[in-house]
């Protein structure tokens, strides 16, 4: 579930938030050329109410991760870990790509924490889901099945499409 596209720079390496799957750094140097590394950042709300961001991708033995009381704080921490990994890898003589592309994947509580301007009742209506059940998904006290997850994803895509076609 990705709705944000925002370029930013880290220690001379351009990082873009967008769609895409990631791989380990070693797979980017098969041709001997530096390529863009894709990082898939998985955002989840823990049982303690904190938000964590983890990634399967790594550079050398360095993984990326972040934590915080909100998704925004966890994202800042995650991006700081990316900066630290880049710096440490370069210090160790590991080749590091010039560009990193970060894709954020949310669980439902994290999604509504980050996009807190979305009205849950209206969103439930758009997705064709019972409002009470949607609130349970939002707070993490219930989890949707595959069919409901598809309806939620479809509603997110509809909102994204509506925003991308709007102008003032």
N, C-alpha and C. Protein backbone atom coordinates (compact mmCIF):
# COMPACT_ATOMS: atom_id res chain seq x y z
N UNK A 1 0.84 -1.16 0.00
CA UNK A 1 0.00 0.00 0.00
C UNK A 1 0.89 1.23 0.00
N UNK A 2 1.13 1.82 -1.14
CA UNK A 2 2.05 2.93 -1.25
C UNK A 2 1.33 4.11 -1.89
N UNK A 3 1.37 5.26 -1.23
CA UNK A 3 0.75 6.45 -1.79
C UNK A 3 1.72 7.63 -1.86
N UNK A 4 2.90 7.54 -1.26
CA UNK A 4 3.81 8.69 -1.19
C UNK A 4 4.93 8.58 -2.20
N UNK A 5 5.21 9.66 -2.90
CA UNK A 5 6.33 9.75 -3.83
C UNK A 5 7.05 11.05 -3.51
N UNK A 6 8.20 10.97 -2.84
CA UNK A 6 8.87 12.18 -2.41
C UNK A 6 10.38 11.98 -2.50
N UNK A 7 11.08 12.68 -3.42
CA UNK A 7 12.53 12.52 -3.51
C UNK A 7 13.25 13.24 -2.38
N UNK A 8 14.34 12.67 -1.92
CA UNK A 8 15.21 13.32 -0.96
C UNK A 8 16.61 12.74 -1.12
N UNK A 9 17.60 13.39 -0.54
CA UNK A 9 18.99 12.99 -0.73
C UNK A 9 19.63 12.58 0.58
N UNK A 10 20.49 11.58 0.52
CA UNK A 10 21.19 11.09 1.70
C UNK A 10 22.68 11.00 1.38
N UNK A 11 23.53 11.78 2.05
CA UNK A 11 24.99 11.72 1.91
C UNK A 11 25.43 11.53 0.47
N UNK A 12 24.89 12.31 -0.44
CA UNK A 12 25.27 12.21 -1.84
C UNK A 12 24.56 11.11 -2.59
N UNK A 13 23.76 10.32 -1.90
CA UNK A 13 23.00 9.26 -2.57
C UNK A 13 21.55 9.69 -2.63
N UNK A 14 20.99 9.72 -3.81
CA UNK A 14 19.59 10.11 -3.94
C UNK A 14 18.72 8.94 -3.51
N UNK A 15 17.72 9.24 -2.70
CA UNK A 15 16.77 8.23 -2.26
C UNK A 15 15.39 8.69 -2.66
N UNK A 16 14.60 7.81 -3.25
CA UNK A 16 13.24 8.16 -3.64
C UNK A 16 12.28 7.21 -2.98
N UNK A 17 11.18 7.75 -2.46
CA UNK A 17 10.11 6.92 -1.95
C UNK A 17 9.20 6.61 -3.13
N UNK A 18 8.99 5.34 -3.44
CA UNK A 18 8.08 5.00 -4.52
C UNK A 18 7.82 3.51 -4.54
N UNK A 19 7.27 3.01 -5.64
CA UNK A 19 6.95 1.59 -5.76
C UNK A 19 8.18 0.80 -6.16
N UNK A 20 8.18 -0.49 -5.83
CA UNK A 20 9.25 -1.37 -6.28
C UNK A 20 9.64 -2.37 -5.22
N UNK A 21 10.24 -3.48 -5.63
CA UNK A 21 10.71 -4.50 -4.70
C UNK A 21 12.21 -4.35 -4.53
N UNK A 22 12.76 -4.85 -3.44
CA UNK A 22 14.17 -4.67 -3.16
C UNK A 22 14.98 -5.94 -3.24
N UNK A 23 16.31 -5.77 -3.28
CA UNK A 23 17.25 -6.87 -3.30
C UNK A 23 18.46 -6.49 -2.46
N UNK A 24 19.30 -7.46 -2.13
CA UNK A 24 20.53 -7.17 -1.41
C UNK A 24 21.48 -6.42 -2.33
N UNK A 25 22.42 -5.70 -1.72
CA UNK A 25 23.35 -4.86 -2.46
C UNK A 25 24.19 -5.65 -3.46
N UNK A 26 24.55 -6.88 -3.12
CA UNK A 26 25.40 -7.68 -4.00
C UNK A 26 24.79 -7.87 -5.38
N UNK A 27 23.48 -7.90 -5.46
CA UNK A 27 22.80 -8.12 -6.74
C UNK A 27 22.87 -6.88 -7.63
N UNK A 28 23.32 -5.75 -7.12
CA UNK A 28 23.37 -4.53 -7.90
C UNK A 28 24.71 -4.33 -8.59
N UNK A 29 25.66 -5.20 -8.33
CA UNK A 29 26.99 -5.02 -8.88
C UNK A 29 27.40 -6.16 -9.79
N UNK A 30 26.44 -6.94 -10.28
CA UNK A 30 26.74 -8.08 -11.14
C UNK A 30 27.42 -7.62 -12.43
N UNK A 31 27.06 -6.47 -12.94
CA UNK A 31 27.64 -5.98 -14.19
C UNK A 31 28.83 -5.06 -13.93
N UNK A 32 29.16 -4.82 -12.66
CA UNK A 32 30.26 -3.93 -12.32
C UNK A 32 29.87 -2.47 -12.32
N UNK A 33 28.61 -2.16 -12.59
CA UNK A 33 28.13 -0.78 -12.60
C UNK A 33 27.27 -0.52 -11.37
N UNK A 34 27.35 0.68 -10.84
CA UNK A 34 26.49 1.05 -9.73
C UNK A 34 25.08 1.24 -10.26
N UNK A 35 24.14 0.65 -9.59
CA UNK A 35 22.73 0.79 -9.96
C UNK A 35 21.96 1.28 -8.75
N UNK A 36 20.71 1.55 -8.97
CA UNK A 36 19.84 1.95 -7.87
C UNK A 36 19.49 0.73 -7.03
N UNK A 37 19.50 0.90 -5.72
CA UNK A 37 19.09 -0.16 -4.81
C UNK A 37 17.68 0.13 -4.34
N UNK A 38 16.82 -0.85 -4.43
CA UNK A 38 15.45 -0.72 -3.95
C UNK A 38 15.34 -1.33 -2.57
N UNK A 39 14.73 -0.56 -1.67
CA UNK A 39 14.54 -1.01 -0.30
C UNK A 39 13.04 -1.06 -0.03
N UNK A 40 12.55 -2.21 0.38
CA UNK A 40 11.15 -2.33 0.79
C UNK A 40 11.11 -2.21 2.30
N UNK A 41 10.46 -1.15 2.79
CA UNK A 41 10.35 -0.88 4.21
C UNK A 41 8.96 -1.30 4.68
N UNK A 42 8.91 -2.24 5.62
CA UNK A 42 7.64 -2.77 6.12
C UNK A 42 7.33 -2.09 7.45
N UNK A 43 6.20 -1.40 7.48
CA UNK A 43 5.80 -0.63 8.67
C UNK A 43 4.70 -1.39 9.40
N UNK A 44 4.92 -1.60 10.71
CA UNK A 44 3.94 -2.33 11.51
C UNK A 44 3.79 -1.68 12.88
N UNK A 45 2.57 -1.78 13.41
CA UNK A 45 2.32 -1.31 14.78
C UNK A 45 2.49 -2.51 15.70
N UNK A 46 3.32 -2.34 16.73
CA UNK A 46 3.58 -3.42 17.68
C UNK A 46 2.53 -3.48 18.77
N UNK A 47 2.56 -4.55 19.54
CA UNK A 47 1.61 -4.72 20.64
C UNK A 47 1.82 -3.68 21.74
N UNK A 48 3.00 -3.05 21.77
CA UNK A 48 3.29 -1.99 22.73
C UNK A 48 2.81 -0.62 22.26
N UNK A 49 2.22 -0.56 21.06
CA UNK A 49 1.73 0.70 20.51
C UNK A 49 2.77 1.46 19.71
N UNK A 50 4.00 0.99 19.71
CA UNK A 50 5.08 1.63 18.95
C UNK A 50 5.05 1.15 17.50
N UNK A 51 5.62 1.95 16.61
CA UNK A 51 5.68 1.60 15.20
C UNK A 51 7.11 1.22 14.85
N UNK A 52 7.24 0.15 14.08
CA UNK A 52 8.57 -0.29 13.65
C UNK A 52 8.60 -0.37 12.14
N UNK A 53 9.79 -0.14 11.61
CA UNK A 53 10.02 -0.29 10.17
C UNK A 53 11.22 -1.20 10.02
N UNK A 54 11.05 -2.24 9.23
CA UNK A 54 12.13 -3.18 8.99
C UNK A 54 12.26 -3.42 7.50
N UNK A 55 13.39 -3.95 7.12
CA UNK A 55 13.62 -4.26 5.72
C UNK A 55 14.46 -5.52 5.63
N UNK A 56 14.18 -6.33 4.63
CA UNK A 56 14.96 -7.54 4.38
C UNK A 56 16.27 -7.20 3.67
N UNK A 57 16.33 -6.04 3.01
CA UNK A 57 17.52 -5.66 2.27
C UNK A 57 18.61 -5.24 3.24
N UNK A 58 19.85 -5.35 2.76
CA UNK A 58 20.99 -4.97 3.59
C UNK A 58 22.15 -4.56 2.69
N UNK A 59 23.13 -3.92 3.29
CA UNK A 59 24.40 -3.62 2.63
C UNK A 59 25.47 -4.26 3.49
N UNK A 60 26.19 -5.21 2.92
CA UNK A 60 27.15 -5.98 3.72
C UNK A 60 26.39 -6.72 4.80
N UNK A 61 26.77 -6.49 6.05
CA UNK A 61 26.05 -7.09 7.19
C UNK A 61 25.17 -6.08 7.89
N UNK A 62 24.89 -4.97 7.23
CA UNK A 62 24.12 -3.88 7.84
C UNK A 62 22.68 -3.88 7.32
N UNK A 63 21.74 -3.97 8.24
CA UNK A 63 20.32 -3.91 7.90
C UNK A 63 19.78 -2.52 8.23
N UNK A 64 18.62 -2.21 7.66
CA UNK A 64 17.95 -0.94 7.90
C UNK A 64 16.80 -1.17 8.87
N UNK A 65 16.51 -0.21 9.74
CA UNK A 65 15.38 -0.33 10.66
C UNK A 65 15.09 0.99 11.34
N UNK A 66 13.86 1.12 11.84
CA UNK A 66 13.47 2.33 12.55
C UNK A 66 12.31 2.07 13.51
N UNK A 67 12.22 2.90 14.54
CA UNK A 67 11.17 2.78 15.54
C UNK A 67 10.68 4.16 15.94
N UNK A 68 9.43 4.22 16.43
CA UNK A 68 8.93 5.50 16.91
C UNK A 68 7.52 5.40 17.44
N UNK A 69 7.09 6.47 18.10
CA UNK A 69 5.74 6.55 18.66
C UNK A 69 4.70 6.81 17.59
N UNK A 70 5.14 7.25 16.41
CA UNK A 70 4.26 7.44 15.27
C UNK A 70 4.99 6.93 14.03
N UNK A 71 4.26 6.75 12.95
CA UNK A 71 4.90 6.30 11.70
C UNK A 71 5.88 7.36 11.21
N UNK A 72 5.52 8.63 11.33
CA UNK A 72 6.41 9.70 10.87
C UNK A 72 7.75 9.65 11.61
N UNK A 73 7.72 9.45 12.92
CA UNK A 73 8.96 9.35 13.70
C UNK A 73 9.73 8.10 13.32
N UNK A 74 9.04 6.98 13.13
CA UNK A 74 9.70 5.73 12.73
C UNK A 74 10.35 5.88 11.35
N UNK A 75 9.69 6.61 10.43
CA UNK A 75 10.27 6.84 9.10
C UNK A 75 11.54 7.68 9.21
N UNK A 76 11.53 8.71 10.04
CA UNK A 76 12.74 9.51 10.25
C UNK A 76 13.87 8.63 10.77
N UNK A 77 13.55 7.77 11.73
CA UNK A 77 14.55 6.88 12.31
C UNK A 77 15.05 5.88 11.26
N UNK A 78 14.14 5.38 10.44
CA UNK A 78 14.51 4.44 9.38
C UNK A 78 15.48 5.11 8.39
N UNK A 79 15.15 6.32 7.96
CA UNK A 79 16.01 7.02 7.01
C UNK A 79 17.37 7.35 7.62
N UNK A 80 17.39 7.61 8.91
CA UNK A 80 18.67 7.82 9.59
C UNK A 80 19.49 6.52 9.57
N UNK A 81 18.81 5.37 9.72
CA UNK A 81 19.54 4.10 9.65
C UNK A 81 20.11 3.88 8.25
N UNK A 82 19.38 4.32 7.22
CA UNK A 82 19.89 4.21 5.84
C UNK A 82 21.15 5.06 5.71
N UNK A 83 21.11 6.29 6.23
CA UNK A 83 22.29 7.17 6.18
C UNK A 83 23.48 6.53 6.89
N UNK A 84 23.22 5.96 8.08
CA UNK A 84 24.28 5.33 8.86
C UNK A 84 24.87 4.12 8.13
N UNK A 85 24.00 3.31 7.53
CA UNK A 85 24.47 2.12 6.80
C UNK A 85 25.33 2.54 5.61
N UNK A 86 24.90 3.57 4.88
CA UNK A 86 25.68 4.06 3.74
C UNK A 86 27.07 4.49 4.21
N UNK A 87 27.10 5.28 5.28
CA UNK A 87 28.37 5.78 5.80
C UNK A 87 29.27 4.63 6.24
N UNK A 88 28.72 3.69 7.03
CA UNK A 88 29.52 2.56 7.52
C UNK A 88 30.00 1.68 6.38
N UNK A 89 29.15 1.44 5.40
CA UNK A 89 29.54 0.59 4.27
C UNK A 89 30.68 1.24 3.49
N UNK A 90 30.58 2.54 3.26
CA UNK A 90 31.65 3.25 2.54
C UNK A 90 32.95 3.20 3.33
N UNK A 91 32.86 3.37 4.66
CA UNK A 91 34.05 3.29 5.50
C UNK A 91 34.70 1.90 5.44
N UNK A 92 33.88 0.87 5.23
CA UNK A 92 34.38 -0.50 5.13
C UNK A 92 34.82 -0.85 3.71
N UNK A 93 34.71 0.11 2.79
CA UNK A 93 35.13 -0.13 1.42
C UNK A 93 34.11 -0.88 0.57
N UNK A 94 32.89 -0.96 1.04
CA UNK A 94 31.82 -1.63 0.29
C UNK A 94 31.26 -0.65 -0.74
N UNK A 95 31.10 -1.10 -1.98
CA UNK A 95 30.49 -0.26 -3.01
C UNK A 95 29.04 -0.01 -2.63
N UNK A 96 28.64 1.23 -2.75
CA UNK A 96 27.27 1.63 -2.41
C UNK A 96 26.68 2.35 -3.61
N UNK A 97 25.46 1.99 -4.03
CA UNK A 97 24.84 2.69 -5.16
C UNK A 97 24.64 4.17 -4.86
N UNK A 98 24.53 4.96 -5.90
CA UNK A 98 24.30 6.39 -5.74
C UNK A 98 22.83 6.68 -5.42
N UNK A 99 21.94 5.79 -5.80
CA UNK A 99 20.51 6.03 -5.65
C UNK A 99 19.86 4.88 -4.90
N UNK A 100 18.99 5.25 -3.97
CA UNK A 100 18.20 4.27 -3.22
C UNK A 100 16.73 4.62 -3.40
N UNK A 101 15.91 3.62 -3.64
CA UNK A 101 14.47 3.82 -3.81
C UNK A 101 13.78 3.07 -2.68
N UNK A 102 13.04 3.79 -1.85
CA UNK A 102 12.37 3.19 -0.70
C UNK A 102 10.88 3.07 -0.97
N UNK A 103 10.35 1.87 -0.79
CA UNK A 103 8.92 1.60 -0.90
C UNK A 103 8.41 1.27 0.49
N UNK A 104 7.37 1.95 0.93
CA UNK A 104 6.80 1.69 2.25
C UNK A 104 5.56 0.81 2.12
N UNK A 105 5.53 -0.26 2.89
CA UNK A 105 4.36 -1.14 2.96
C UNK A 105 3.82 -1.08 4.39
N UNK A 106 2.55 -0.74 4.50
CA UNK A 106 1.93 -0.51 5.79
C UNK A 106 1.04 -1.67 6.22
N UNK A 107 0.95 -1.92 7.53
CA UNK A 107 -0.18 -2.68 8.03
C UNK A 107 -1.29 -1.65 8.22
N UNK A 108 -2.50 -2.07 8.50
CA UNK A 108 -3.63 -1.13 8.53
C UNK A 108 -3.50 -0.09 9.64
N UNK A 109 -3.16 -0.48 10.89
CA UNK A 109 -3.00 0.57 11.92
C UNK A 109 -1.94 1.60 11.55
N UNK A 110 -0.84 1.17 10.96
CA UNK A 110 0.22 2.09 10.55
C UNK A 110 -0.25 3.01 9.43
N UNK A 111 -1.00 2.45 8.50
CA UNK A 111 -1.51 3.24 7.38
C UNK A 111 -2.36 4.40 7.89
N UNK A 112 -3.29 4.11 8.81
CA UNK A 112 -4.16 5.16 9.31
C UNK A 112 -3.45 6.10 10.27
N UNK A 113 -2.36 5.67 10.89
CA UNK A 113 -1.57 6.57 11.70
C UNK A 113 -0.85 7.58 10.82
N UNK A 114 -0.28 7.10 9.73
CA UNK A 114 0.47 7.99 8.84
C UNK A 114 -0.45 8.90 8.04
N UNK A 115 -1.53 8.35 7.51
CA UNK A 115 -2.50 9.14 6.74
C UNK A 115 -3.67 9.49 7.65
N UNK A 116 -3.37 10.19 8.74
CA UNK A 116 -4.36 10.45 9.77
C UNK A 116 -5.45 11.43 9.34
N UNK A 117 -5.29 12.05 8.19
CA UNK A 117 -6.32 12.95 7.68
C UNK A 117 -7.47 12.19 7.02
N UNK A 118 -7.31 10.88 6.84
CA UNK A 118 -8.40 10.07 6.26
C UNK A 118 -9.46 9.79 7.32
N UNK A 119 -10.70 10.01 6.97
CA UNK A 119 -11.82 9.71 7.85
C UNK A 119 -12.14 8.22 7.74
N UNK A 120 -12.01 7.51 8.85
CA UNK A 120 -12.17 6.06 8.84
C UNK A 120 -13.59 5.66 8.42
N UNK A 121 -14.59 6.40 8.88
CA UNK A 121 -15.97 6.08 8.51
C UNK A 121 -16.19 6.22 7.01
N UNK A 122 -15.71 7.31 6.44
CA UNK A 122 -15.85 7.52 4.99
C UNK A 122 -15.04 6.49 4.21
N UNK A 123 -13.85 6.15 4.74
CA UNK A 123 -13.02 5.15 4.08
C UNK A 123 -13.73 3.80 4.09
N UNK A 124 -14.34 3.43 5.22
CA UNK A 124 -15.08 2.17 5.32
C UNK A 124 -16.21 2.14 4.31
N UNK A 125 -16.91 3.26 4.18
CA UNK A 125 -18.00 3.37 3.20
C UNK A 125 -17.47 3.16 1.78
N UNK A 126 -16.36 3.81 1.45
CA UNK A 126 -15.76 3.67 0.13
C UNK A 126 -15.34 2.23 -0.15
N UNK A 127 -14.82 1.55 0.88
CA UNK A 127 -14.35 0.18 0.73
C UNK A 127 -15.49 -0.84 0.85
N UNK A 128 -16.67 -0.39 1.27
CA UNK A 128 -17.79 -1.32 1.44
C UNK A 128 -17.61 -2.21 2.65
N UNK A 129 -17.06 -1.64 3.72
CA UNK A 129 -16.78 -2.39 4.95
C UNK A 129 -17.57 -1.75 6.09
N UNK A 130 -18.04 -2.57 7.01
CA UNK A 130 -18.74 -2.09 8.19
C UNK A 130 -17.82 -1.12 8.96
N UNK A 131 -18.38 0.06 9.35
CA UNK A 131 -17.58 1.08 10.02
C UNK A 131 -16.95 0.57 11.31
N UNK A 132 -17.71 -0.16 12.10
CA UNK A 132 -17.20 -0.68 13.36
C UNK A 132 -16.03 -1.63 13.13
N UNK A 133 -16.18 -2.48 12.13
CA UNK A 133 -15.11 -3.43 11.81
C UNK A 133 -13.87 -2.68 11.32
N UNK A 134 -14.08 -1.62 10.52
CA UNK A 134 -12.95 -0.84 10.01
C UNK A 134 -12.20 -0.19 11.16
N UNK A 135 -12.90 0.28 12.17
CA UNK A 135 -12.25 0.88 13.35
C UNK A 135 -11.42 -0.18 14.09
N UNK A 136 -11.92 -1.42 14.13
CA UNK A 136 -11.16 -2.50 14.76
C UNK A 136 -9.88 -2.78 13.97
N UNK A 137 -9.97 -2.76 12.64
CA UNK A 137 -8.77 -2.95 11.81
C UNK A 137 -7.78 -1.81 12.05
N UNK A 138 -8.32 -0.59 12.16
CA UNK A 138 -7.47 0.59 12.35
C UNK A 138 -6.67 0.51 13.64
N UNK A 139 -7.30 0.08 14.72
CA UNK A 139 -6.59 0.04 16.00
C UNK A 139 -5.83 -1.27 16.20
N UNK A 140 -6.02 -2.24 15.31
CA UNK A 140 -5.27 -3.50 15.40
C UNK A 140 -5.90 -4.54 16.29
N UNK A 141 -7.15 -4.34 16.68
CA UNK A 141 -7.81 -5.34 17.54
C UNK A 141 -8.47 -6.45 16.71
N UNK A 142 -8.55 -6.26 15.40
CA UNK A 142 -9.05 -7.29 14.47
C UNK A 142 -8.22 -7.19 13.20
N UNK A 143 -8.18 -8.26 12.46
CA UNK A 143 -7.38 -8.31 11.24
C UNK A 143 -8.25 -8.78 10.08
N UNK A 144 -8.18 -8.08 8.94
CA UNK A 144 -9.02 -8.45 7.80
C UNK A 144 -8.51 -9.71 7.11
N UNK A 145 -9.44 -10.44 6.52
CA UNK A 145 -9.09 -11.58 5.69
C UNK A 145 -8.66 -11.10 4.31
N UNK A 146 -8.41 -12.06 3.44
CA UNK A 146 -7.91 -11.74 2.10
C UNK A 146 -8.89 -10.89 1.29
N UNK A 147 -10.19 -11.25 1.32
CA UNK A 147 -11.18 -10.50 0.55
C UNK A 147 -11.30 -9.06 1.02
N UNK A 148 -11.32 -8.87 2.34
CA UNK A 148 -11.45 -7.51 2.89
C UNK A 148 -10.17 -6.71 2.62
N UNK A 149 -9.02 -7.36 2.70
CA UNK A 149 -7.76 -6.68 2.39
C UNK A 149 -7.76 -6.18 0.95
N UNK A 150 -8.29 -6.99 0.04
CA UNK A 150 -8.39 -6.55 -1.36
C UNK A 150 -9.31 -5.35 -1.50
N UNK A 151 -10.41 -5.32 -0.74
CA UNK A 151 -11.32 -4.18 -0.79
C UNK A 151 -10.66 -2.92 -0.24
N UNK A 152 -9.88 -3.09 0.83
CA UNK A 152 -9.16 -1.95 1.40
C UNK A 152 -8.12 -1.44 0.41
N UNK A 153 -7.37 -2.35 -0.19
CA UNK A 153 -6.36 -1.96 -1.18
C UNK A 153 -7.00 -1.26 -2.36
N UNK A 154 -8.15 -1.75 -2.80
CA UNK A 154 -8.87 -1.13 -3.91
C UNK A 154 -9.31 0.29 -3.54
N UNK A 155 -9.78 0.48 -2.31
CA UNK A 155 -10.19 1.82 -1.86
C UNK A 155 -8.98 2.76 -1.82
N UNK A 156 -7.83 2.26 -1.38
CA UNK A 156 -6.61 3.08 -1.36
C UNK A 156 -6.24 3.51 -2.77
N UNK A 157 -6.30 2.57 -3.70
CA UNK A 157 -5.98 2.90 -5.10
C UNK A 157 -6.96 3.91 -5.67
N UNK A 158 -8.23 3.81 -5.29
CA UNK A 158 -9.24 4.77 -5.75
C UNK A 158 -8.91 6.16 -5.23
N UNK A 159 -8.55 6.25 -3.95
CA UNK A 159 -8.19 7.55 -3.37
C UNK A 159 -6.95 8.11 -4.08
N UNK A 160 -5.95 7.26 -4.29
CA UNK A 160 -4.72 7.69 -4.98
C UNK A 160 -5.04 8.20 -6.38
N UNK A 161 -5.92 7.50 -7.07
CA UNK A 161 -6.31 7.90 -8.42
C UNK A 161 -7.05 9.24 -8.39
N UNK A 162 -7.95 9.39 -7.43
CA UNK A 162 -8.70 10.63 -7.28
C UNK A 162 -7.75 11.80 -7.01
N UNK A 163 -6.79 11.60 -6.11
CA UNK A 163 -5.82 12.66 -5.81
C UNK A 163 -4.95 12.99 -7.00
N UNK A 164 -4.50 11.98 -7.72
CA UNK A 164 -3.59 12.23 -8.84
C UNK A 164 -4.29 12.92 -10.01
N UNK A 165 -5.60 12.80 -10.11
CA UNK A 165 -6.30 13.45 -11.21
C UNK A 165 -6.90 14.80 -10.82
N UNK A 166 -6.72 15.20 -9.56
CA UNK A 166 -7.27 16.47 -9.08
C UNK A 166 -6.25 17.60 -9.22
N UNK A 167 -6.75 18.80 -9.43
CA UNK A 167 -5.90 19.98 -9.43
C UNK A 167 -6.70 21.17 -8.92
N UNK A 168 -5.99 22.18 -8.52
CA UNK A 168 -6.64 23.41 -8.02
C UNK A 168 -6.39 24.55 -8.97
